[in-house]
Amino acid sequence: MTLTVPLEGGYGAYPFVVASDDSHFQLYAMSELPCDEDPLFGTAERVLSGWYVKDGIKGDLVGGTRRCLERDERGRSRRELIEATDHLGRSLHAEAELVTWYKFTLYSDWLDIFSLAKWRFDGQEVWGESQDYMLFRQYRRMMESLAARRG
């Protein structure tokens, strides 16, 4: 797998959920688009690392995508979809509804949005989290795009 992203990084996500000792996942996903060209809408971020525990057996995630399916008028992620595969060949399909948001400055030029999320995976519904993070200039561009859509 070849990852091509700008040296400064870019838009990404960090979802995490624990249903039980025998059922949980965590992953890191990042956009491959250059920061100033990433629309932050309708994109899929590549799963770069993480794990998936099913039936008590841990697998390392080796590929897949995380998608923000819906954003609200403030640019916050409302629904997410993860489709990933682990090194054991198992598929993780997880959907989330994000219900709270906490925005804060991460380092000097990053916006991080922590969210409480209701995840559905492996026949379970369980609370977890998701983090949406981006450079402030990406966030400003997204907010300008949302304002233009509203007219």
C-alpha atoms as a PDB file:
ATOM      1  CA  MET A   1       0.000   0.000   0.000  1.00  0.00           C
ATOM      2  CA  THR A   2       1.392   3.399  -0.977  1.00  0.00           C
ATOM      3  CA  LEU A   3       0.146   6.364   0.991  1.00  0.00           C
ATOM      4  CA  THR A   4       0.478   9.739  -0.685  1.00  0.00           C
ATOM      5  CA  VAL A   5      -0.356  12.611   1.627  1.00  0.00           C
ATOM      6  CA  PRO A   6       1.238  16.018   2.089  1.00  0.00           C
ATOM      7  CA  LEU A   7       3.984  16.175   4.702  1.00  0.00           C
ATOM      8  CA  GLU A   8       1.834  18.478   6.815  1.00  0.00           C
ATOM      9  CA  GLY A   9      -0.846  15.825   7.159  1.00  0.00           C
ATOM     10  CA  GLY A  10      -4.499  16.369   6.532  1.00  0.00           C
ATOM     11  CA  TYR A  11      -8.018  15.354   7.350  1.00  0.00           C
ATOM     12  CA  GLY A  12      -8.436  12.209   9.384  1.00  0.00           C
ATOM     13  CA  ALA A  13     -10.486  10.240  11.870  1.00  0.00           C
ATOM     14  CA  TYR A  14      -9.919   8.146  14.949  1.00  0.00           C
ATOM     15  CA  PRO A  15     -12.959   5.997  15.880  1.00  0.00           C
ATOM     16  CA  PHE A  16     -12.873   3.746  18.942  1.00  0.00           C
ATOM     17  CA  VAL A  17     -15.442   1.471  20.600  1.00  0.00           C
ATOM     18  CA  VAL A  18     -15.422  -1.297  23.214  1.00  0.00           C
ATOM     19  CA  ALA A  19     -18.515  -3.489  23.450  1.00  0.00           C
ATOM     20  CA  SER A  20     -16.757  -6.034  25.690  1.00  0.00           C
ATOM     21  CA  ASP A  21     -13.366  -7.657  26.236  1.00  0.00           C
ATOM     22  CA  ASP A  22     -14.205  -9.929  23.297  1.00  0.00           C
ATOM     23  CA  SER A  23     -15.589  -7.294  20.915  1.00  0.00           C
ATOM     24  CA  HIS A  24     -14.024  -3.945  20.056  1.00  0.00           C
ATOM     25  CA  PHE A  25     -12.172  -1.961  17.428  1.00  0.00           C
ATOM     26  CA  GLN A  26     -10.029   1.108  16.972  1.00  0.00           C
ATOM     27  CA  LEU A  27      -8.584   2.582  13.826  1.00  0.00           C
ATOM     28  CA  TYR A  28      -6.773   5.523  12.345  1.00  0.00           C
ATOM     29  CA  ALA A  29      -7.913   6.744   8.929  1.00  0.00           C
ATOM     30  CA  MET A  30      -6.490   9.586   6.891  1.00  0.00           C
ATOM     31  CA  SER A  31      -7.285  11.319   3.618  1.00  0.00           C
ATOM     32  CA  GLU A  32      -4.911  10.827   0.739  1.00  0.00           C
ATOM     33  CA  LEU A  33      -5.960  14.118  -0.860  1.00  0.00           C
ATOM     34  CA  PRO A  34      -3.778  17.212  -0.518  1.00  0.00           C
ATOM     35  CA  CYS A  35      -5.048  19.402   2.330  1.00  0.00           C
ATOM     36  CA  ASP A  36      -6.043  22.306   0.127  1.00  0.00           C
ATOM     37  CA  GLU A  37      -7.877  20.077  -2.365  1.00  0.00           C
ATOM     38  CA  ASP A  38      -9.783  17.832   0.054  1.00  0.00           C
ATOM     39  CA  PRO A  39     -13.495  18.769  -0.101  1.00  0.00           C
ATOM     40  CA  LEU A  40     -14.239  16.950   3.207  1.00  0.00           C
ATOM     41  CA  PHE A  41     -17.582  15.914   1.662  1.00  0.00           C
ATOM     42  CA  GLY A  42     -18.180  12.645  -0.175  1.00  0.00           C
ATOM     43  CA  THR A  43     -14.687  11.316   0.454  1.00  0.00           C
ATOM     44  CA  ALA A  44     -13.331   8.086   1.888  1.00  0.00           C
ATOM     45  CA  GLU A  45     -10.364   8.142   4.220  1.00  0.00           C
ATOM     46  CA  ARG A  46      -8.028   5.160   4.060  1.00  0.00           C
ATOM     47  CA  VAL A  47      -7.670   2.957   7.135  1.00  0.00           C
ATOM     48  CA  LEU A  48      -3.956   3.078   7.947  1.00  0.00           C
ATOM     49  CA  SER A  49      -3.828   1.167  11.209  1.00  0.00           C
ATOM     50  CA  GLY A  50      -5.907  -0.258  14.003  1.00  0.00           C
ATOM     51  CA  TRP A  51      -7.337  -3.463  15.361  1.00  0.00           C
ATOM     52  CA  TYR A  52     -10.548  -5.460  15.355  1.00  0.00           C
ATOM     53  CA  VAL A  53     -11.423  -7.923  18.118  1.00  0.00           C
ATOM     54  CA  LYS A  54     -14.236 -10.352  17.303  1.00  0.00           C
ATOM     55  CA  ASP A  55     -15.090 -13.380  19.434  1.00  0.00           C
ATOM     56  CA  GLY A  56     -12.033 -12.571  21.537  1.00  0.00           C
ATOM     57  CA  ILE A  57      -9.619 -12.869  18.597  1.00  0.00           C
ATOM     58  CA  LYS A  58      -7.622  -9.776  17.681  1.00  0.00           C
ATOM     59  CA  GLY A  59      -6.806  -8.930  14.090  1.00  0.00           C
ATOM     60  CA  ASP A  60      -4.726  -6.041  12.798  1.00  0.00           C
ATOM     61  CA  LEU A  61      -6.584  -3.874  10.305  1.00  0.00           C
ATOM     62  CA  VAL A  62      -4.809  -3.946   6.956  1.00  0.00           C
ATOM     63  CA  GLY A  63      -7.132  -1.960   4.721  1.00  0.00           C
ATOM     64  CA  GLY A  64     -10.469  -0.301   4.270  1.00  0.00           C
ATOM     65  CA  THR A  65     -12.187   3.039   4.456  1.00  0.00           C
ATOM     66  CA  ARG A  66     -13.927   5.365   6.856  1.00  0.00           C
ATOM     67  CA  ARG A  67     -16.565   7.689   5.417  1.00  0.00           C
ATOM     68  CA  CYS A  68     -18.440  10.614   6.867  1.00  0.00           C
ATOM     69  CA  LEU A  69     -21.907  10.034   5.401  1.00  0.00           C
ATOM     70  CA  GLU A  70     -23.547  13.187   6.712  1.00  0.00           C
ATOM     71  CA  ARG A  71     -22.505  16.547   8.143  1.00  0.00           C
ATOM     72  CA  ASP A  72     -24.710  19.088   9.855  1.00  0.00           C
ATOM     73  CA  GLU A  73     -24.884  22.837   9.184  1.00  0.00           C
ATOM     74  CA  ARG A  74     -21.848  23.368  11.431  1.00  0.00           C
ATOM     75  CA  GLY A  75     -19.706  20.853   9.555  1.00  0.00           C
ATOM     76  CA  ARG A  76     -19.879  18.251  12.305  1.00  0.00           C
ATOM     77  CA  SER A  77     -19.981  14.599  11.349  1.00  0.00           C
ATOM     78  CA  ARG A  78     -23.448  13.116  12.009  1.00  0.00           C
ATOM     79  CA  ARG A  79     -23.101   9.621  10.529  1.00  0.00           C
ATOM     80  CA  GLU A  80     -20.050   7.499   9.740  1.00  0.00           C
ATOM     81  CA  LEU A  81     -19.381   4.210   7.995  1.00  0.00           C
ATOM     82  CA  ILE A  82     -16.361   1.961   8.376  1.00  0.00           C
ATOM     83  CA  GLU A  83     -15.630  -0.913   6.016  1.00  0.00           C
ATOM     84  CA  ALA A  84     -12.321  -2.573   6.808  1.00  0.00           C
ATOM     85  CA  THR A  85     -10.505  -5.901   6.688  1.00  0.00           C
ATOM     86  CA  ASP A  86      -8.116  -7.420   9.187  1.00  0.00           C
ATOM     87  CA  HIS A  87      -5.071  -9.622   8.592  1.00  0.00           C
ATOM     88  CA  LEU A  88      -7.215 -12.707   9.336  1.00  0.00           C
ATOM     89  CA  GLY A  89      -9.469 -11.874   6.376  1.00  0.00           C
ATOM     90  CA  ARG A  90     -12.436 -10.799   8.505  1.00  0.00           C
ATOM     91  CA  SER A  91     -14.580  -7.841   7.470  1.00  0.00           C
ATOM     92  CA  LEU A  92     -15.562  -5.074   9.837  1.00  0.00           C
ATOM     93  CA  HIS A  93     -18.705  -3.179   8.905  1.00  0.00           C
ATOM     94  CA  ALA A  94     -19.578  -0.486  11.437  1.00  0.00           C
ATOM     95  CA  GLU A  95     -22.029   2.404  11.297  1.00  0.00           C
ATOM     96  CA  ALA A  96     -22.305   5.254  13.770  1.00  0.00           C
ATOM     97  CA  GLU A  97     -24.640   8.047  14.658  1.00  0.00           C
ATOM     98  CA  LEU A  98     -22.716  10.878  16.343  1.00  0.00           C
ATOM     99  CA  VAL A  99     -24.705  12.648  19.024  1.00  0.00           C
ATOM    100  CA  THR A 100     -22.393  15.086  20.855  1.00  0.00           C
ATOM    101  CA  TRP A 101     -19.432  17.181  19.753  1.00  0.00           C
ATOM    102  CA  TYR A 102     -16.558  18.787  21.603  1.00  0.00           C
ATOM    103  CA  LYS A 103     -14.356  21.028  19.471  1.00  0.00           C
ATOM    104  CA  PHE A 104     -10.899  21.989  20.635  1.00  0.00           C
ATOM    105  CA  THR A 105      -7.579  23.172  19.310  1.00  0.00           C
ATOM    106  CA  LEU A 106      -5.104  20.368  18.920  1.00  0.00           C
ATOM    107  CA  TYR A 107      -1.581  21.735  18.835  1.00  0.00           C
ATOM    108  CA  SER A 108      -1.459  25.116  17.102  1.00  0.00           C
ATOM    109  CA  ASP A 109      -3.217  24.638  13.778  1.00  0.00           C
ATOM    110  CA  TRP A 110      -5.496  21.622  14.190  1.00  0.00           C
ATOM    111  CA  LEU A 111      -9.172  21.387  15.042  1.00  0.00           C
ATOM    112  CA  ASP A 112     -10.212  18.151  16.737  1.00  0.00           C
ATOM    113  CA  ILE A 113     -13.880  17.279  17.203  1.00  0.00           C
ATOM    114  CA  PHE A 114     -14.467  14.541  19.780  1.00  0.00           C
ATOM    115  CA  SER A 115     -17.870  12.882  19.462  1.00  0.00           C
ATOM    116  CA  LEU A 116     -19.907  10.432  21.440  1.00  0.00           C
ATOM    117  CA  ALA A 117     -21.126   7.878  18.913  1.00  0.00           C
ATOM    118  CA  LYS A 118     -23.689   5.104  18.891  1.00  0.00           C
ATOM    119  CA  TRP A 119     -21.930   2.346  16.938  1.00  0.00           C
ATOM    120  CA  ARG A 120     -23.586  -0.661  15.301  1.00  0.00           C
ATOM    121  CA  PHE A 121     -21.317  -3.575  14.412  1.00  0.00           C
ATOM    122  CA  ASP A 122     -21.399  -7.371  14.665  1.00  0.00           C
ATOM    123  CA  GLY A 123     -25.080  -7.310  15.642  1.00  0.00           C
ATOM    124  CA  GLN A 124     -24.481  -4.969  18.566  1.00  0.00           C
ATOM    125  CA  GLU A 125     -25.339  -1.378  19.354  1.00  0.00           C
ATOM    126  CA  VAL A 126     -22.843   0.200  21.720  1.00  0.00           C
ATOM    127  CA  TRP A 127     -21.577   3.651  22.721  1.00  0.00           C
ATOM    128  CA  GLY A 128     -18.098   4.664  21.682  1.00  0.00           C
ATOM    129  CA  GLU A 129     -16.390   7.684  20.198  1.00  0.00           C
ATOM    130  CA  SER A 130     -15.065   9.144  17.024  1.00  0.00           C
ATOM    131  CA  GLN A 131     -12.644  11.965  16.427  1.00  0.00           C
ATOM    132  CA  ASP A 132     -12.735  14.125  13.339  1.00  0.00           C
ATOM    133  CA  TYR A 133      -9.654  16.275  12.901  1.00  0.00           C
ATOM    134  CA  MET A 134      -8.450  18.714  10.289  1.00  0.00           C
ATOM    135  CA  LEU A 135      -6.301  21.760   9.787  1.00  0.00           C
ATOM    136  CA  PHE A 136      -8.057  25.031  10.629  1.00  0.00           C
ATOM    137  CA  ARG A 137      -7.729  26.183   7.032  1.00  0.00           C
ATOM    138  CA  GLN A 138      -9.597  23.048   5.934  1.00  0.00           C
ATOM    139  CA  TYR A 139     -12.322  23.762   8.491  1.00  0.00           C
ATOM    140  CA  ARG A 140     -12.638  27.393   7.343  1.00  0.00           C
ATOM    141  CA  ARG A 141     -12.945  26.248   3.731  1.00  0.00           C
ATOM    142  CA  MET A 142     -15.606  23.704   4.713  1.00  0.00           C
ATOM    143  CA  MET A 143     -17.594  26.359   6.609  1.00  0.00           C
ATOM    144  CA  GLU A 144     -17.419  28.703   3.593  1.00  0.00           C
ATOM    145  CA  SER A 145     -18.707  25.883   1.396  1.00  0.00           C
ATOM    146  CA  LEU A 146     -21.609  25.215   3.792  1.00  0.00           C
ATOM    147  CA  ALA A 147     -22.497  28.926   3.902  1.00  0.00           C
ATOM    148  CA  ALA A 148     -22.517  29.080   0.081  1.00  0.00           C
ATOM    149  CA  ARG A 149     -24.884  26.099  -0.060  1.00  0.00           C
ATOM    150  CA  ARG A 150     -27.309  27.866   2.256  1.00  0.00           C
ATOM    151  CA  GLY A 151     -27.219  30.901  -0.012  1.00  0.00           C
END
